[in-house]
Amino acid sequence: MTVRLNHEGVIILAGECPVEDAETLLEHLQARRDGPVDWSGCTALHTAVLQILMAARPKLLGECGDGFVRIWAASAPRDGAAAKGRTTVRDRKSES
């Protein structure tokens, strides 16, 4: 299994994480909302698994082992981006 919970309560993503792992990851995150996710051993990450991580926003340990995800995640906006001068479509509509 590529998604598992270790004895310290860390959710581990290892190897290739296919679409079938999205449900398991979601169940672990729902059971342990404060549980971090170590994705450094992940070699491939299905977009469904990535979407769960993006929605749940757990603490991520290490760098993702999937090179594409690592590069993409590094360029993704972080929390508070709108507060630091970026505006959203909703902001622009309310200004007009």
PDB file of N, CA and C in Angstrom:
ATOM      1  N   MET A   1       0.843  -1.183   0.000  1.00  0.00           N
ATOM      2  CA  MET A   1       0.000   0.000   0.000  1.00  0.00           C
ATOM      3  C   MET A   1       0.885   1.242   0.000  1.00  0.00           C
ATOM      4  N   THR A   2       0.527   2.202  -0.809  1.00  0.00           N
ATOM      5  CA  THR A   2       1.359   3.389  -0.946  1.00  0.00           C
ATOM      6  C   THR A   2       0.968   4.514   0.006  1.00  0.00           C
ATOM      7  N   VAL A   3      -0.208   4.412   0.624  1.00  0.00           N
ATOM      8  CA  VAL A   3      -0.619   5.378   1.651  1.00  0.00           C
ATOM      9  C   VAL A   3      -0.819   4.601   2.937  1.00  0.00           C
ATOM     10  N   ARG A   4      -0.061   4.980   3.952  1.00  0.00           N
ATOM     11  CA  ARG A   4      -0.185   4.265   5.229  1.00  0.00           C
ATOM     12  C   ARG A   4       0.069   5.227   6.374  1.00  0.00           C
ATOM     13  N   LEU A   5      -0.321   4.819   7.547  1.00  0.00           N
ATOM     14  CA  LEU A   5      -0.120   5.597   8.760  1.00  0.00           C
ATOM     15  C   LEU A   5       0.977   4.921   9.568  1.00  0.00           C
ATOM     16  N   ASN A   6       2.027   5.662   9.934  1.00  0.00           N
ATOM     17  CA  ASN A   6       3.090   5.029  10.723  1.00  0.00           C
ATOM     18  C   ASN A   6       2.762   5.096  12.211  1.00  0.00           C
ATOM     19  N   HIS A   7       3.606   4.510  13.039  1.00  0.00           N
ATOM     20  CA  HIS A   7       3.345   4.413  14.478  1.00  0.00           C
ATOM     21  C   HIS A   7       3.386   5.772  15.182  1.00  0.00           C
ATOM     22  N   GLU A   8       3.936   6.798  14.527  1.00  0.00           N
ATOM     23  CA  GLU A   8       3.987   8.143  15.115  1.00  0.00           C
ATOM     24  C   GLU A   8       2.810   9.008  14.664  1.00  0.00           C
ATOM     25  N   GLY A   9       1.904   8.444  13.863  1.00  0.00           N
ATOM     26  CA  GLY A   9       0.748   9.190  13.385  1.00  0.00           C
ATOM     27  C   GLY A   9       0.996   9.998  12.131  1.00  0.00           C
ATOM     28  N   VAL A  10       2.112   9.750  11.460  1.00  0.00           N
ATOM     29  CA  VAL A  10       2.420  10.444  10.214  1.00  0.00           C
ATOM     30  C   VAL A  10       1.854   9.631   9.057  1.00  0.00           C
ATOM     31  N   ILE A  11       1.162  10.312   8.152  1.00  0.00           N
ATOM     32  CA  ILE A  11       0.655   9.654   6.953  1.00  0.00           C
ATOM     33  C   ILE A  11       1.800   9.617   5.943  1.00  0.00           C
ATOM     34  N   ILE A  12       2.129   8.436   5.483  1.00  0.00           N
ATOM     35  CA  ILE A  12       3.253   8.226   4.583  1.00  0.00           C
ATOM     36  C   ILE A  12       2.727   7.961   3.172  1.00  0.00           C
ATOM     37  N   LEU A  13       3.260   8.698   2.191  1.00  0.00           N
ATOM     38  CA  LEU A  13       3.003   8.409   0.786  1.00  0.00           C
ATOM     39  C   LEU A  13       4.293   7.827   0.223  1.00  0.00           C
ATOM     40  N   ALA A  14       4.227   6.612  -0.327  1.00  0.00           N
ATOM     41  CA  ALA A  14       5.432   5.938  -0.802  1.00  0.00           C
ATOM     42  C   ALA A  14       5.188   5.329  -2.176  1.00  0.00           C
ATOM     43  N   GLY A  15       6.198   5.401  -3.024  1.00  0.00           N
ATOM     44  CA  GLY A  15       6.104   4.818  -4.353  1.00  0.00           C
ATOM     45  C   GLY A  15       5.124   5.571  -5.235  1.00  0.00           C
ATOM     46  N   GLU A  16       4.487   4.849  -6.150  1.00  0.00           N
ATOM     47  CA  GLU A  16       3.501   5.450  -7.039  1.00  0.00           C
ATOM     48  C   GLU A  16       2.156   5.476  -6.337  1.00  0.00           C
ATOM     49  N   CYS A  17       1.563   6.653  -6.212  1.00  0.00           N
ATOM     50  CA  CYS A  17       0.279   6.819  -5.533  1.00  0.00           C
ATOM     51  C   CYS A  17      -0.814   6.982  -6.591  1.00  0.00           C
ATOM     52  N   PRO A  18      -1.507   5.889  -6.943  1.00  0.00           N
ATOM     53  CA  PRO A  18      -2.531   5.945  -7.994  1.00  0.00           C
ATOM     54  C   PRO A  18      -3.840   6.541  -7.482  1.00  0.00           C
ATOM     55  N   VAL A  19      -4.795   6.688  -8.369  1.00  0.00           N
ATOM     56  CA  VAL A  19      -6.089   7.281  -8.049  1.00  0.00           C
ATOM     57  C   VAL A  19      -6.773   6.538  -6.895  1.00  0.00           C
ATOM     58  N   GLU A  20      -6.585   5.241  -6.811  1.00  0.00           N
ATOM     59  CA  GLU A  20      -7.221   4.452  -5.748  1.00  0.00           C
ATOM     60  C   GLU A  20      -6.768   4.881  -4.357  1.00  0.00           C
ATOM     61  N   ASP A  21      -5.612   5.522  -4.258  1.00  0.00           N
ATOM     62  CA  ASP A  21      -5.101   5.961  -2.961  1.00  0.00           C
ATOM     63  C   ASP A  21      -5.745   7.240  -2.454  1.00  0.00           C
ATOM     64  N   ALA A  22      -6.468   7.951  -3.313  1.00  0.00           N
ATOM     65  CA  ALA A  22      -7.083   9.210  -2.895  1.00  0.00           C
ATOM     66  C   ALA A  22      -8.073   8.982  -1.752  1.00  0.00           C
ATOM     67  N   GLU A  23      -8.887   7.949  -1.846  1.00  0.00           N
ATOM     68  CA  GLU A  23      -9.876   7.674  -0.809  1.00  0.00           C
ATOM     69  C   GLU A  23      -9.197   7.300   0.513  1.00  0.00           C
ATOM     70  N   THR A  24      -8.169   6.473   0.451  1.00  0.00           N
ATOM     71  CA  THR A  24      -7.439   6.088   1.666  1.00  0.00           C
ATOM     72  C   THR A  24      -6.804   7.307   2.317  1.00  0.00           C
ATOM     73  N   LEU A  25      -6.187   8.160   1.508  1.00  0.00           N
ATOM     74  CA  LEU A  25      -5.579   9.378   2.038  1.00  0.00           C
ATOM     75  C   LEU A  25      -6.629  10.255   2.699  1.00  0.00           C
ATOM     76  N   LEU A  26      -7.770  10.430   2.054  1.00  0.00           N
ATOM     77  CA  LEU A  26      -8.838  11.245   2.620  1.00  0.00           C
ATOM     78  C   LEU A  26      -9.302  10.684   3.960  1.00  0.00           C
ATOM     79  N   GLU A  27      -9.467   9.384   4.056  1.00  0.00           N
ATOM     80  CA  GLU A  27      -9.891   8.756   5.312  1.00  0.00           C
ATOM     81  C   GLU A  27      -8.872   9.015   6.421  1.00  0.00           C
ATOM     82  N   HIS A  28      -7.579   8.880   6.112  1.00  0.00           N
ATOM     83  CA  HIS A  28      -6.538   9.154   7.110  1.00  0.00           C
ATOM     84  C   HIS A  28      -6.569  10.617   7.546  1.00  0.00           C
ATOM     85  N   LEU A  29      -6.731  11.520   6.588  1.00  0.00           N
ATOM     86  CA  LEU A  29      -6.748  12.951   6.919  1.00  0.00           C
ATOM     87  C   LEU A  29      -7.990  13.334   7.718  1.00  0.00           C
ATOM     88  N   GLN A  30      -9.106  12.705   7.438  1.00  0.00           N
ATOM     89  CA  GLN A  30     -10.321  12.987   8.205  1.00  0.00           C
ATOM     90  C   GLN A  30     -10.208  12.471   9.633  1.00  0.00           C
ATOM     91  N   ALA A  31      -9.535  11.347   9.806  1.00  0.00           N
ATOM     92  CA  ALA A  31      -9.362  10.761  11.137  1.00  0.00           C
ATOM     93  C   ALA A  31      -8.313  11.504  11.958  1.00  0.00           C
ATOM     94  N   ARG A  32      -7.317  12.092  11.299  1.00  0.00           N
ATOM     95  CA  ARG A  32      -6.207  12.765  11.973  1.00  0.00           C
ATOM     96  C   ARG A  32      -5.992  14.128  11.333  1.00  0.00           C
ATOM     97  N   ARG A  33      -6.861  15.056  11.628  1.00  0.00           N
ATOM     98  CA  ARG A  33      -6.793  16.378  10.999  1.00  0.00           C
ATOM     99  C   ARG A  33      -5.460  17.075  11.243  1.00  0.00           C
ATOM    100  N   ASP A  34      -4.811  16.768  12.347  1.00  0.00           N
ATOM    101  CA  ASP A  34      -3.522  17.401  12.654  1.00  0.00           C
ATOM    102  C   ASP A  34      -2.340  16.555  12.185  1.00  0.00           C
ATOM    103  N   GLY A  35      -2.643  15.391  11.608  1.00  0.00           N
ATOM    104  CA  GLY A  35      -1.572  14.485  11.201  1.00  0.00           C
ATOM    105  C   GLY A  35      -0.814  14.989   9.988  1.00  0.00           C
ATOM    106  N   PRO A  36       0.498  15.063  10.059  1.00  0.00           N
ATOM    107  CA  PRO A  36       1.283  15.495   8.900  1.00  0.00           C
ATOM    108  C   PRO A  36       1.376  14.390   7.850  1.00  0.00           C
ATOM    109  N   VAL A  37       1.743  14.791   6.639  1.00  0.00           N
ATOM    110  CA  VAL A  37       1.909  13.861   5.523  1.00  0.00           C
ATOM    111  C   VAL A  37       3.359  13.942   5.051  1.00  0.00           C
ATOM    112  N   ASP A  38       4.028  12.803   5.047  1.00  0.00           N
ATOM    113  CA  ASP A  38       5.391  12.715   4.518  1.00  0.00           C
ATOM    114  C   ASP A  38       5.286  12.197   3.096  1.00  0.00           C
ATOM    115  N   TRP A  39       5.553  13.067   2.141  1.00  0.00           N
ATOM    116  CA  TRP A  39       5.440  12.683   0.734  1.00  0.00           C
ATOM    117  C   TRP A  39       6.791  12.566   0.048  1.00  0.00           C
ATOM    118  N   SER A  40       7.853  12.529   0.819  1.00  0.00           N
ATOM    119  CA  SER A  40       9.196  12.470   0.242  1.00  0.00           C
ATOM    120  C   SER A  40       9.483  11.142  -0.452  1.00  0.00           C
ATOM    121  N   GLY A  41       8.797  10.073  -0.084  1.00  0.00           N
ATOM    122  CA  GLY A  41       9.017   8.771  -0.710  1.00  0.00           C
ATOM    123  C   GLY A  41       8.111   8.500  -1.887  1.00  0.00           C
ATOM    124  N   CYS A  42       7.286   9.468  -2.240  1.00  0.00           N
ATOM    125  CA  CYS A  42       6.350   9.316  -3.350  1.00  0.00           C
ATOM    126  C   CYS A  42       7.088   9.534  -4.669  1.00  0.00           C
ATOM    127  N   THR A  43       6.978   8.590  -5.585  1.00  0.00           N
ATOM    128  CA  THR A  43       7.656   8.732  -6.878  1.00  0.00           C
ATOM    129  C   THR A  43       6.726   9.201  -7.982  1.00  0.00           C
ATOM    130  N   ALA A  44       5.426   9.015  -7.802  1.00  0.00           N
ATOM    131  CA  ALA A  44       4.421   9.494  -8.754  1.00  0.00           C
ATOM    132  C   ALA A  44       3.140   9.743  -7.973  1.00  0.00           C
ATOM    133  N   LEU A  45       2.477  10.842  -8.288  1.00  0.00           N
ATOM    134  CA  LEU A  45       1.298  11.251  -7.522  1.00  0.00           C
ATOM    135  C   LEU A  45       0.155  11.531  -8.486  1.00  0.00           C
ATOM    136  N   HIS A  46      -0.906  10.735  -8.394  1.00  0.00           N
ATOM    137  CA  HIS A  46      -2.066  10.965  -9.250  1.00  0.00           C
ATOM    138  C   HIS A  46      -2.709  12.296  -8.869  1.00  0.00           C
ATOM    139  N   THR A  47      -3.303  12.970  -9.833  1.00  0.00           N
ATOM    140  CA  THR A  47      -3.887  14.283  -9.551  1.00  0.00           C
ATOM    141  C   THR A  47      -5.011  14.218  -8.519  1.00  0.00           C
ATOM    142  N   ALA A  48      -5.710  13.096  -8.419  1.00  0.00           N
ATOM    143  CA  ALA A  48      -6.755  12.963  -7.392  1.00  0.00           C
ATOM    144  C   ALA A  48      -6.139  13.005  -5.996  1.00  0.00           C
ATOM    145  N   VAL A  49      -4.988  12.385  -5.832  1.00  0.00           N
ATOM    146  CA  VAL A  49      -4.281  12.411  -4.540  1.00  0.00           C
ATOM    147  C   VAL A  49      -3.801  13.835  -4.263  1.00  0.00           C
ATOM    148  N   LEU A  50      -3.273  14.485  -5.277  1.00  0.00           N
ATOM    149  CA  LEU A  50      -2.823  15.864  -5.130  1.00  0.00           C
ATOM    150  C   LEU A  50      -3.987  16.783  -4.746  1.00  0.00           C
ATOM    151  N   GLN A  51      -5.147  16.577  -5.340  1.00  0.00           N
ATOM    152  CA  GLN A  51      -6.309  17.398  -5.021  1.00  0.00           C
ATOM    153  C   GLN A  51      -6.733  17.233  -3.570  1.00  0.00           C
ATOM    154  N   ILE A  52      -6.644  16.019  -3.050  1.00  0.00           N
ATOM    155  CA  ILE A  52      -6.953  15.792  -1.631  1.00  0.00           C
ATOM    156  C   ILE A  52      -5.983  16.589  -0.768  1.00  0.00           C
ATOM    157  N   LEU A  53      -4.709  16.552  -1.104  1.00  0.00           N
ATOM    158  CA  LEU A  53      -3.708  17.298  -0.341  1.00  0.00           C
ATOM    159  C   LEU A  53      -3.956  18.803  -0.432  1.00  0.00           C
ATOM    160  N   MET A  54      -4.318  19.280  -1.612  1.00  0.00           N
ATOM    161  CA  MET A  54      -4.569  20.707  -1.787  1.00  0.00           C
ATOM    162  C   MET A  54      -5.792  21.161  -0.998  1.00  0.00           C
ATOM    163  N   ALA A  55      -6.818  20.319  -0.951  1.00  0.00           N
ATOM    164  CA  ALA A  55      -8.041  20.684  -0.232  1.00  0.00           C
ATOM    165  C   ALA A  55      -7.862  20.585   1.273  1.00  0.00           C
ATOM    166  N   ALA A  56      -7.186  19.548   1.742  1.00  0.00           N
ATOM    167  CA  ALA A  56      -7.027  19.325   3.183  1.00  0.00           C
ATOM    168  C   ALA A  56      -5.943  20.204   3.800  1.00  0.00           C
ATOM    169  N   ARG A  57      -4.942  20.568   3.000  1.00  0.00           N
ATOM    170  CA  ARG A  57      -3.826  21.406   3.443  1.00  0.00           C
ATOM    171  C   ARG A  57      -3.133  20.893   4.711  1.00  0.00           C
ATOM    172  N   PRO A  58      -2.747  19.614   4.721  1.00  0.00           N
ATOM    173  CA  PRO A  58      -2.021  19.116   5.897  1.00  0.00           C
ATOM    174  C   PRO A  58      -0.593  19.658   5.897  1.00  0.00           C
ATOM    175  N   LYS A  59       0.074  19.519   7.020  1.00  0.00           N
ATOM    176  CA  LYS A  59       1.494  19.853   7.073  1.00  0.00           C
ATOM    177  C   LYS A  59       2.219  18.797   6.245  1.00  0.00           C
ATOM    178  N   LEU A  60       3.016  19.247   5.274  1.00  0.00           N
ATOM    179  CA  LEU A  60       3.744  18.328   4.406  1.00  0.00           C
ATOM    180  C   LEU A  60       5.194  18.238   4.854  1.00  0.00           C
ATOM    181  N   LEU A  61       5.676  17.019   5.002  1.00  0.00           N
ATOM    182  CA  LEU A  61       7.048  16.782   5.447  1.00  0.00           C
ATOM    183  C   LEU A  61       7.919  16.421   4.254  1.00  0.00           C
ATOM    184  N   GLY A  62       9.056  17.059   4.132  1.00  0.00           N
ATOM    185  CA  GLY A  62       9.983  16.785   3.042  1.00  0.00           C
ATOM    186  C   GLY A  62       9.497  17.368   1.733  1.00  0.00           C
ATOM    187  N   GLU A  63      10.218  17.057   0.676  1.00  0.00           N
ATOM    188  CA  GLU A  63       9.832  17.455  -0.666  1.00  0.00           C
ATOM    189  C   GLU A  63       9.213  16.265  -1.361  1.00  0.00           C
ATOM    190  N   CYS A  64       8.224  16.524  -2.201  1.00  0.00           N
ATOM    191  CA  CYS A  64       7.572  15.447  -2.928  1.00  0.00           C
ATOM    192  C   CYS A  64       8.588  14.757  -3.835  1.00  0.00           C
ATOM    193  N   GLY A  65       8.566  13.448  -3.863  1.00  0.00           N
ATOM    194  CA  GLY A  65       9.467  12.686  -4.713  1.00  0.00           C
ATOM    195  C   GLY A  65       9.070  12.703  -6.178  1.00  0.00           C
ATOM    196  N   ASP A  66       7.857  13.178  -6.483  1.00  0.00           N
ATOM    197  CA  ASP A  66       7.407  13.325  -7.864  1.00  0.00           C
ATOM    198  C   ASP A  66       7.919  14.676  -8.352  1.00  0.00           C
ATOM    199  N   GLY A  67       8.867  14.658  -9.273  1.00  0.00           N
ATOM    200  CA  GLY A  67       9.517  15.878  -9.735  1.00  0.00           C
ATOM    201  C   GLY A  67       8.565  16.923 -10.280  1.00  0.00           C
ATOM    202  N   PHE A  68       7.564  16.495 -11.070  1.00  0.00           N
ATOM    203  CA  PHE A  68       6.606  17.451 -11.621  1.00  0.00           C
ATOM    204  C   PHE A  68       5.841  18.145 -10.507  1.00  0.00           C
ATOM    205  N   VAL A  69       5.351  17.369  -9.542  1.00  0.00           N
ATOM    206  CA  VAL A  69       4.589  17.951  -8.428  1.00  0.00           C
ATOM    207  C   VAL A  69       5.474  18.870  -7.604  1.00  0.00           C
ATOM    208  N   ARG A  70       6.711  18.476  -7.381  1.00  0.00           N
ATOM    209  CA  ARG A  70       7.635  19.299  -6.591  1.00  0.00           C
ATOM    210  C   ARG A  70       7.832  20.670  -7.244  1.00  0.00           C
ATOM    211  N   ILE A  71       8.041  20.684  -8.562  1.00  0.00           N
ATOM    212  CA  ILE A  71       8.243  21.947  -9.272  1.00  0.00           C
ATOM    213  C   ILE A  71       6.955  22.762  -9.275  1.00  0.00           C
ATOM    214  N   TRP A  72       5.822  22.118  -9.540  1.00  0.00           N
ATOM    215  CA  TRP A  72       4.546  22.820  -9.594  1.00  0.00           C
ATOM    216  C   TRP A  72       4.194  23.371  -8.223  1.00  0.00           C
ATOM    217  N   ALA A  73       4.350  22.562  -7.181  1.00  0.00           N
ATOM    218  CA  ALA A  73       3.990  23.002  -5.826  1.00  0.00           C
ATOM    219  C   ALA A  73       4.853  24.177  -5.379  1.00  0.00           C
ATOM    220  N   ALA A  74       6.091  24.221  -5.818  1.00  0.00           N
ATOM    221  CA  ALA A  74       6.969  25.324  -5.440  1.00  0.00           C
ATOM    222  C   ALA A  74       6.511  26.639  -6.039  1.00  0.00           C
ATOM    223  N   SER A  75       5.821  26.582  -7.182  1.00  0.00           N
ATOM    224  CA  SER A  75       5.377  27.819  -7.824  1.00  0.00           C
ATOM    225  C   SER A  75       3.933  28.177  -7.486  1.00  0.00           C
ATOM    226  N   ALA A  76       3.235  27.316  -6.757  1.00  0.00           N
ATOM    227  CA  ALA A  76       1.834  27.581  -6.415  1.00  0.00           C
ATOM    228  C   ALA A  76       1.744  28.674  -5.357  1.00  0.00           C
ATOM    229  N   PRO A  77       0.695  29.510  -5.431  1.00  0.00           N
ATOM    230  CA  PRO A  77       0.515  30.557  -4.415  1.00  0.00           C
ATOM    231  C   PRO A  77       0.301  29.951  -3.041  1.00  0.00           C
ATOM    232  N   ARG A  78       0.761  30.610  -2.044  1.00  0.00           N
ATOM    233  CA  ARG A  78       0.608  30.169  -0.658  1.00  0.00           C
ATOM    234  C   ARG A  78      -0.549  30.907  -0.003  1.00  0.00           C
ATOM    235  N   ASP A  79      -0.911  30.496   1.215  1.00  0.00           N
ATOM    236  CA  ASP A  79      -1.952  31.187   1.976  1.00  0.00           C
ATOM    237  C   ASP A  79      -1.630  32.662   2.079  1.00  0.00           C
ATOM    238  N   GLY A  80      -2.651  33.464   2.016  1.00  0.00           N
ATOM    239  CA  GLY A  80      -2.461  34.892   2.203  1.00  0.00           C
ATOM    240  C   GLY A  80      -1.999  35.616   0.959  1.00  0.00           C
ATOM    241  N   ALA A  81      -1.956  34.937  -0.184  1.00  0.00           N
ATOM    242  CA  ALA A  81      -1.480  35.594  -1.397  1.00  0.00           C
ATOM    243  C   ALA A  81      -2.348  36.792  -1.743  1.00  0.00           C
ATOM    244  N   ALA A  82      -3.667  36.669  -1.573  1.00  0.00           N
ATOM    245  CA  ALA A  82      -4.558  37.786  -1.890  1.00  0.00           C
ATOM    246  C   ALA A  82      -4.316  38.949  -0.942  1.00  0.00           C
ATOM    247  N   ALA A  83      -3.989  38.647   0.299  1.00  0.00           N
ATOM    248  CA  ALA A  83      -3.754  39.704   1.280  1.00  0.00           C
ATOM    249  C   ALA A  83      -2.459  40.453   1.000  1.00  0.00           C
ATOM    250  N   LYS A  84      -1.588  39.890   0.203  1.00  0.00           N
ATOM    251  CA  LYS A  84      -0.308  40.525  -0.081  1.00  0.00           C
ATOM    252  C   LYS A  84      -0.334  41.258  -1.416  1.00  0.00           C
ATOM    253  N   GLY A  85      -1.497  41.753  -1.822  1.00  0.00           N
ATOM    254  CA  GLY A  85      -1.568  42.559  -3.025  1.00  0.00           C
ATOM    255  C   GLY A  85      -2.206  41.886  -4.216  1.00  0.00           C
ATOM    256  N   ARG A  86      -2.386  40.602  -4.181  1.00  0.00           N
ATOM    257  CA  ARG A  86      -3.047  39.926  -5.293  1.00  0.00           C
ATOM    258  C   ARG A  86      -4.550  40.063  -5.110  1.00  0.00           C
ATOM    259  N   THR A  87      -5.241  40.273  -6.192  1.00  0.00           N
ATOM    260  CA  THR A  87      -6.694  40.359  -6.118  1.00  0.00           C
ATOM    261  C   THR A  87      -7.303  39.155  -6.806  1.00  0.00           C
ATOM    262  N   THR A  88      -8.481  38.790  -6.356  1.00  0.00           N
ATOM    263  CA  THR A  88      -9.208  37.684  -6.951  1.00  0.00           C
ATOM    264  C   THR A  88     -10.274  38.252  -7.879  1.00  0.00           C
ATOM    265  N   VAL A  89     -10.902  37.391  -8.673  1.00  0.00           N
ATOM    266  CA  VAL A  89     -11.981  37.821  -9.548  1.00  0.00           C
ATOM    267  C   VAL A  89     -13.101  38.429  -8.703  1.00  0.00           C
ATOM    268  N   ARG A  90     -13.402  37.824  -7.577  1.00  0.00           N
ATOM    269  CA  ARG A  90     -14.451  38.330  -6.687  1.00  0.00           C
ATOM    270  C   ARG A  90     -14.096  39.730  -6.205  1.00  0.00           C
ATOM    271  N   ASP A  91     -12.836  39.971  -5.853  1.00  0.00           N
ATOM    272  CA  ASP A  91     -12.411  41.310  -5.420  1.00  0.00           C
ATOM    273  C   ASP A  91     -12.646  42.332  -6.518  1.00  0.00           C
ATOM    274  N   ARG A  92     -12.265  41.975  -7.738  1.00  0.00           N
ATOM    275  CA  ARG A  92     -12.395  42.914  -8.851  1.00  0.00           C
ATOM    276  C   ARG A  92     -13.854  43.218  -9.167  1.00  0.00           C
ATOM    277  N   LYS A  93     -14.731  42.210  -9.051  1.00  0.00           N
ATOM    278  CA  LYS A  93     -16.158  42.423  -9.308  1.00  0.00           C
ATOM    279  C   LYS A  93     -16.762  43.349  -8.261  1.00  0.00           C
ATOM    280  N   SER A  94     -16.368  43.195  -7.016  1.00  0.00           N
ATOM    281  CA  SER A  94     -16.937  44.034  -5.954  1.00  0.00           C
ATOM    282  C   SER A  94     -16.450  45.469  -6.057  1.00  0.00           C
ATOM    283  N   GLU A  95     -15.298  45.702  -6.707  1.00  0.00           N
ATOM    284  CA  GLU A  95     -14.770  47.046  -6.864  1.00  0.00           C
ATOM    285  C   GLU A  95     -15.497  47.812  -7.960  1.00  0.00           C
ATOM    286  N   SER A  96     -16.134  47.073  -8.908  1.00  0.00           N
ATOM    287  CA  SER A  96     -16.787  47.771 -10.021  1.00  0.00           C
ATOM    288  C   SER A  96     -18.183  48.222  -9.705  1.00  0.00           C
TER     289      SER A  96
END
